[in-house]
Structure formats: C-alpha cells, structure tokens
C-alpha cells in the first residue's frame, strides 16, 4: 500500500511541476519597447498627433491592436533588440481559422515617430498620439 501512495505522490509532483512549467512558458512574453497609440495619418508631421483618428495601432504591454488590415489583435511572442533603436519582433495572432506569427522590424525614429518594416510588403510610418 505504501508503494502505491509513493507512486501516486511522485506522479502528482511530476504533474504539478509540468503544469507550473506550462504556465510559466505561456506567461513569458516580452513587452513591446513602446506603448500607447500611434496614428497612420500624417505620419511625417512634427510632434505627436492631437487626434489619433480612426486609423491607428496601439501597444499595450504584450498586446498590439491595429485598426488597419485584416487582423485587429496580436499578442507578442518575442522582442530582440538588433540595433540602437531597432527591434526584431515576432507577434502571434489567432482566430477561429488561423493561428500564425508575423515577424517585423520596429525602428524608433524619435520620441514621436516609428517605422514598422514587415518581412513582406512596404514599411509603415506611424506617429505617436497625444
């Protein structure tokens, strides 16, 4: 009977350790190097935009939301600094039909301007919203 209890305890500890590792692995997502709302409108103007308008991207911890394009919500998978003001970012998105990742370079031009350069397609300039 004692062997059975020890085996059961051992299996319980292994299951608990695996569960803890799984939760830890899911919780470890990098935050974006920027935060707040960034507008697509008039991206080359000086300073922050007074009004973000309807076309913007927002960075909220490990979440990125985008009002332009086919996918509106992304979750950060990784951030790697590749230069003084450049980052290689991998985002994940998931809906009922697709589970995929998107890789791009985020470049900090100055406090109010960024550029997102995807692996496919043209780079996009954005301006911070006030």
Protein backbone atom coordinates (compact mmCIF):
# COMPACT_ATOMS: atom_id res chain seq x y z
CA UNK A 1 0.00 0.00 0.00
CA UNK A 2 2.85 2.38 0.82
CA UNK A 3 4.44 1.86 -2.65
CA UNK A 4 1.13 2.82 -4.25
CA UNK A 5 0.94 6.06 -2.21
CA UNK A 6 4.56 6.96 -3.01
CA UNK A 7 4.00 6.33 -6.73
CA UNK A 8 0.83 8.41 -6.63
CA UNK A 9 2.68 11.22 -4.81
CA UNK A 10 5.52 11.08 -7.35
CA UNK A 11 3.11 11.28 -10.28
CA UNK A 12 1.28 14.15 -8.60
CA UNK A 13 4.53 16.09 -8.14
CA UNK A 14 5.53 15.50 -11.76
CA UNK A 15 2.11 16.69 -12.97
CA UNK A 16 2.31 19.80 -10.76
CA UNK A 17 5.83 20.62 -11.99
CA UNK A 18 4.76 20.19 -15.63
CA UNK A 19 1.74 22.42 -15.03
CA UNK A 20 3.94 25.10 -13.47
CA UNK A 21 6.35 24.96 -16.41
CA UNK A 22 3.47 25.25 -18.87
CA UNK A 23 2.01 28.28 -17.09
CA UNK A 24 5.44 29.89 -16.88
CA UNK A 25 6.14 29.31 -20.57
CA UNK A 26 2.82 30.86 -21.56
CA UNK A 27 3.30 33.86 -19.25
CA UNK A 28 6.77 34.73 -20.57
CA UNK A 29 6.04 37.12 -23.42
CA UNK A 30 8.11 40.21 -23.96
CA UNK A 31 6.57 43.66 -23.70
CA UNK A 32 6.88 45.96 -26.68
CA UNK A 33 9.64 48.60 -26.48
CA UNK A 34 6.94 51.28 -26.93
CA UNK A 35 3.43 51.86 -25.65
CA UNK A 36 0.33 53.91 -26.41
CA UNK A 37 -1.49 54.79 -29.63
CA UNK A 38 0.25 55.57 -32.93
CA UNK A 39 -1.61 57.02 -35.93
CA UNK A 40 -1.21 56.18 -39.61
CA UNK A 41 -2.49 59.65 -40.54
CA UNK A 42 0.09 62.32 -41.43
CA UNK A 43 3.00 60.26 -40.02
CA UNK A 44 5.73 62.72 -41.08
CA UNK A 45 4.32 65.75 -39.23
CA UNK A 46 6.30 67.16 -36.30
CA UNK A 47 5.47 66.14 -32.74
CA UNK A 48 2.62 63.94 -31.55
CA UNK A 49 -0.78 63.98 -33.27
CA UNK A 50 -3.55 65.80 -31.40
CA UNK A 51 -6.13 63.32 -32.69
CA UNK A 52 -5.42 59.67 -33.46
CA UNK A 53 -8.34 59.38 -35.88
CA UNK A 54 -9.80 56.03 -36.89
CA UNK A 55 -6.57 54.57 -38.31
CA UNK A 56 -4.16 53.72 -35.51
CA UNK A 57 -2.09 51.00 -33.88
CA UNK A 58 -1.84 50.64 -30.12
CA UNK A 59 0.77 48.87 -28.00
CA UNK A 60 -0.49 47.70 -24.60
CA UNK A 61 2.09 45.61 -22.70
CA UNK A 62 2.17 42.32 -24.66
CA UNK A 63 -0.85 43.18 -26.85
CA UNK A 64 -0.89 45.12 -30.11
CA UNK A 65 -4.12 46.29 -31.69
CA UNK A 66 -4.44 47.59 -35.25
CA UNK A 67 -7.44 49.26 -36.89
CA UNK A 68 -5.90 48.81 -40.37
CA UNK A 69 -5.60 45.44 -42.09
CA UNK A 70 -7.21 42.06 -41.73
CA UNK A 71 -6.07 41.17 -38.19
CA UNK A 72 -7.03 43.53 -35.37
CA UNK A 73 -5.32 41.96 -32.34
CA UNK A 74 -1.85 40.47 -31.87
CA UNK A 75 0.00 39.04 -28.86
CA UNK A 76 3.74 39.49 -28.62
CA UNK A 77 5.85 36.34 -28.84
CA UNK A 78 9.35 37.86 -28.68
CA UNK A 79 11.32 41.10 -28.84
CA UNK A 80 15.01 41.14 -29.78
CA UNK A 81 17.00 44.37 -29.86
CA UNK A 82 19.05 44.32 -33.10
CA UNK A 83 20.41 47.86 -33.07
CA UNK A 84 20.49 51.04 -31.03
CA UNK A 85 16.86 51.84 -31.87
CA UNK A 86 15.76 48.75 -33.81
CA UNK A 87 13.93 45.62 -32.66
CA UNK A 88 13.04 42.34 -34.34
CA UNK A 89 9.55 41.48 -33.16
CA UNK A 90 7.50 38.34 -33.58
CA UNK A 91 3.76 38.59 -32.93
CA UNK A 92 1.13 35.86 -32.82
CA UNK A 93 -2.46 36.10 -33.90
CA UNK A 94 -5.22 33.60 -33.57
CA UNK A 95 -8.81 33.43 -34.73
CA UNK A 96 -11.19 30.58 -35.38
CA UNK A 97 -9.44 29.64 -38.64
CA UNK A 98 -5.82 30.85 -38.42
CA UNK A 99 -3.04 30.59 -35.86
CA UNK A 100 0.10 32.28 -37.21
CA UNK A 101 3.08 34.52 -36.45
CA UNK A 102 4.20 37.77 -38.01
CA UNK A 103 7.83 38.99 -37.94
CA UNK A 104 8.81 42.62 -38.47
CA UNK A 105 11.39 45.24 -37.56
CA UNK A 106 10.32 48.12 -35.35
CA UNK A 107 12.55 51.18 -35.64
CA UNK A 108 12.32 54.11 -33.22
CA UNK A 109 12.95 57.22 -35.28
CA UNK A 110 12.42 59.67 -32.40
CA UNK A 111 10.05 60.04 -29.43
CA UNK A 112 7.08 60.71 -31.73
CA UNK A 113 7.81 58.61 -34.83
CA UNK A 114 8.31 54.89 -35.54
CA UNK A 115 8.62 52.69 -38.58
CA UNK A 116 7.38 49.13 -38.90
CA UNK A 117 9.06 47.12 -41.63
CA UNK A 118 7.42 43.72 -42.23
CA UNK A 119 9.25 40.90 -43.96
CA UNK A 120 6.77 41.23 -46.81
CA UNK A 121 5.28 44.47 -48.05
CA UNK A 122 6.27 48.11 -47.64
CA UNK A 123 7.39 49.76 -44.40
CA UNK A 124 4.78 51.74 -42.47
CA UNK A 125 5.45 55.05 -40.71
CA UNK A 126 3.44 55.93 -37.60
CA UNK A 127 3.23 59.00 -35.36
CA UNK A 128 2.52 59.00 -31.62
CA UNK A 129 -0.90 60.23 -30.50
CA UNK A 130 -1.01 62.86 -27.77
